[in-house]
Amino acid sequence: MSVLIDTPLWPGPHDRLFAHLVSDHSFQELHAFARALGLSPRAFDRDHYDVPEFLHARALELGARHVGSRELVTRLRASGLRRPKAARARERV
């Protein structure tokens, strides 16, 4: 059971870089960690939170485990919590 974070490489608003924060256990664990980190619920996107670069070090201090992007996705898929965009679109129909 871990909260995982990758390297902030993903461009976002205000010319900032963002990392992805996921849980390999449950959404409950992920949401609780995000609250402790001070993330807005709006930062949640299907199965992960987008974390601005300036909060990356704090996430590690709180116990998130730094992993590469590939490992993050692999662990998210293995947990059964992955929610691809296509699946979300099908849920609306």
C-alpha atoms as a PDB file:
ATOM      1  CA  MET A   1       0.000   0.000   0.000  1.00  0.00           C
ATOM      2  CA  SER A   2       1.685   3.113  -1.241  1.00  0.00           C
ATOM      3  CA  VAL A   3       1.063   6.580  -2.489  1.00  0.00           C
ATOM      4  CA  LEU A   4       3.274   7.094  -5.515  1.00  0.00           C
ATOM      5  CA  ILE A   5       4.473  10.228  -7.276  1.00  0.00           C
ATOM      6  CA  ASP A   6       6.432  10.617 -10.484  1.00  0.00           C
ATOM      7  CA  THR A   7       8.778  13.393 -11.592  1.00  0.00           C
ATOM      8  CA  PRO A   8       7.142  16.732 -12.441  1.00  0.00           C
ATOM      9  CA  LEU A   9       7.576  16.674 -16.219  1.00  0.00           C
ATOM     10  CA  TRP A  10       4.058  17.400 -17.437  1.00  0.00           C
ATOM     11  CA  PRO A  11       3.285  20.966 -18.565  1.00  0.00           C
ATOM     12  CA  GLY A  12       0.244  22.633 -17.076  1.00  0.00           C
ATOM     13  CA  PRO A  13      -1.337  26.004 -16.399  1.00  0.00           C
ATOM     14  CA  HIS A  14       0.775  29.032 -15.568  1.00  0.00           C
ATOM     15  CA  ASP A  15       3.876  27.513 -17.220  1.00  0.00           C
ATOM     16  CA  ARG A  16       4.247  25.047 -14.333  1.00  0.00           C
ATOM     17  CA  LEU A  17       5.338  21.447 -14.437  1.00  0.00           C
ATOM     18  CA  PHE A  18       3.194  18.798 -12.778  1.00  0.00           C
ATOM     19  CA  ALA A  19       3.687  15.299 -11.379  1.00  0.00           C
ATOM     20  CA  HIS A  20       1.082  12.571 -10.974  1.00  0.00           C
ATOM     21  CA  LEU A  21       0.067  11.273  -7.554  1.00  0.00           C
ATOM     22  CA  VAL A  22      -1.643   7.860  -7.296  1.00  0.00           C
ATOM     23  CA  SER A  23      -2.387   5.129  -4.794  1.00  0.00           C
ATOM     24  CA  ASP A  24      -1.762   1.481  -5.511  1.00  0.00           C
ATOM     25  CA  HIS A  25      -4.295   0.584  -2.809  1.00  0.00           C
ATOM     26  CA  SER A  26      -7.437   2.753  -2.790  1.00  0.00           C
ATOM     27  CA  PHE A  27      -8.958   6.053  -3.779  1.00  0.00           C
ATOM     28  CA  GLN A  28      -9.676   6.659  -0.097  1.00  0.00           C
ATOM     29  CA  GLU A  29      -5.935   6.521   0.644  1.00  0.00           C
ATOM     30  CA  LEU A  30      -5.209   8.797  -2.326  1.00  0.00           C
ATOM     31  CA  HIS A  31      -7.814  11.422  -1.384  1.00  0.00           C
ATOM     32  CA  ALA A  32      -6.670  11.475   2.259  1.00  0.00           C
ATOM     33  CA  PHE A  33      -3.062  11.998   1.184  1.00  0.00           C
ATOM     34  CA  ALA A  34      -4.066  14.743  -1.256  1.00  0.00           C
ATOM     35  CA  ARG A  35      -5.964  16.554   1.515  1.00  0.00           C
ATOM     36  CA  ALA A  36      -2.911  16.337   3.801  1.00  0.00           C
ATOM     37  CA  LEU A  37      -0.793  17.735   0.966  1.00  0.00           C
ATOM     38  CA  GLY A  38      -3.229  20.617   0.526  1.00  0.00           C
ATOM     39  CA  LEU A  39      -4.392  19.745  -2.974  1.00  0.00           C
ATOM     40  CA  SER A  40      -7.721  20.992  -4.214  1.00  0.00           C
ATOM     41  CA  PRO A  41     -10.269  18.316  -5.171  1.00  0.00           C
ATOM     42  CA  ARG A  42     -10.159  19.945  -8.621  1.00  0.00           C
ATOM     43  CA  ALA A  43      -6.629  18.538  -9.032  1.00  0.00           C
ATOM     44  CA  PHE A  44      -8.129  15.015  -9.195  1.00  0.00           C
ATOM     45  CA  ASP A  45      -8.366  13.614 -12.731  1.00  0.00           C
ATOM     46  CA  ARG A  46     -10.047  10.172 -13.061  1.00  0.00           C
ATOM     47  CA  ASP A  47      -7.462   8.151 -11.110  1.00  0.00           C
ATOM     48  CA  HIS A  48      -4.701  10.564 -10.096  1.00  0.00           C
ATOM     49  CA  TYR A  49      -3.955  14.021  -8.795  1.00  0.00           C
ATOM     50  CA  ASP A  50      -1.909  16.552 -10.733  1.00  0.00           C
ATOM     51  CA  VAL A  51       0.701  17.903  -8.313  1.00  0.00           C
ATOM     52  CA  PRO A  52       2.507  21.171  -9.073  1.00  0.00           C
ATOM     53  CA  GLU A  53       6.282  20.992  -8.971  1.00  0.00           C
ATOM     54  CA  PHE A  54       6.489  23.204  -5.879  1.00  0.00           C
ATOM     55  CA  LEU A  55       4.606  20.536  -3.832  1.00  0.00           C
ATOM     56  CA  HIS A  56       6.677  17.572  -5.017  1.00  0.00           C
ATOM     57  CA  ALA A  57       9.211  17.699  -2.165  1.00  0.00           C
ATOM     58  CA  ARG A  58       6.408  18.077   0.392  1.00  0.00           C
ATOM     59  CA  ALA A  59       4.668  14.983  -1.001  1.00  0.00           C
ATOM     60  CA  LEU A  60       7.880  13.029  -0.465  1.00  0.00           C
ATOM     61  CA  GLU A  61       8.179  14.381   3.090  1.00  0.00           C
ATOM     62  CA  LEU A  62       4.632  13.171   3.790  1.00  0.00           C
ATOM     63  CA  GLY A  63       5.548   9.681   2.641  1.00  0.00           C
ATOM     64  CA  ALA A  64       4.858   9.460  -1.081  1.00  0.00           C
ATOM     65  CA  ARG A  65       7.257   7.126  -2.857  1.00  0.00           C
ATOM     66  CA  HIS A  66       9.003   8.564  -5.921  1.00  0.00           C
ATOM     67  CA  VAL A  67       8.803   6.262  -8.947  1.00  0.00           C
ATOM     68  CA  GLY A  68       9.252   6.673 -12.677  1.00  0.00           C
ATOM     69  CA  SER A  69       6.202   7.377 -14.811  1.00  0.00           C
ATOM     70  CA  ARG A  70       6.162   3.875 -16.289  1.00  0.00           C
ATOM     71  CA  GLU A  71       6.256   2.231 -12.868  1.00  0.00           C
ATOM     72  CA  LEU A  72       3.515   4.567 -11.649  1.00  0.00           C
ATOM     73  CA  VAL A  73       1.196   3.511 -14.489  1.00  0.00           C
ATOM     74  CA  THR A  74       2.138  -0.155 -14.129  1.00  0.00           C
ATOM     75  CA  ARG A  75       1.357  -0.128 -10.404  1.00  0.00           C
ATOM     76  CA  LEU A  76      -1.872   1.821 -10.953  1.00  0.00           C
ATOM     77  CA  ARG A  77      -3.052  -0.709 -13.541  1.00  0.00           C
ATOM     78  CA  ALA A  78      -2.082  -3.651 -11.315  1.00  0.00           C
ATOM     79  CA  SER A  79      -4.102  -2.153  -8.459  1.00  0.00           C
ATOM     80  CA  GLY A  80      -7.269  -2.127 -10.558  1.00  0.00           C
ATOM     81  CA  LEU A  81      -7.705   1.622  -9.975  1.00  0.00           C
ATOM     82  CA  ARG A  82      -6.717   2.774 -13.477  1.00  0.00           C
ATOM     83  CA  ARG A  83      -9.552   4.640 -15.183  1.00  0.00           C
ATOM     84  CA  PRO A  84      -8.606   5.431 -18.789  1.00  0.00           C
ATOM     85  CA  LYS A  85     -10.350   8.281 -20.600  1.00  0.00           C
ATOM     86  CA  ALA A  86     -12.150   5.873 -22.952  1.00  0.00           C
ATOM     87  CA  ALA A  87     -13.666   3.967 -20.027  1.00  0.00           C
ATOM     88  CA  ARG A  88     -14.891   7.183 -18.465  1.00  0.00           C
ATOM     89  CA  ALA A  89     -16.593   8.217 -21.707  1.00  0.00           C
ATOM     90  CA  ARG A  90     -18.381   4.835 -21.847  1.00  0.00           C
ATOM     91  CA  GLU A  91     -19.643   5.337 -18.273  1.00  0.00           C
ATOM     92  CA  ARG A  92     -21.525   8.478 -19.350  1.00  0.00           C
ATOM     93  CA  VAL A  93     -23.471   6.703 -22.111  1.00  0.00           C
END
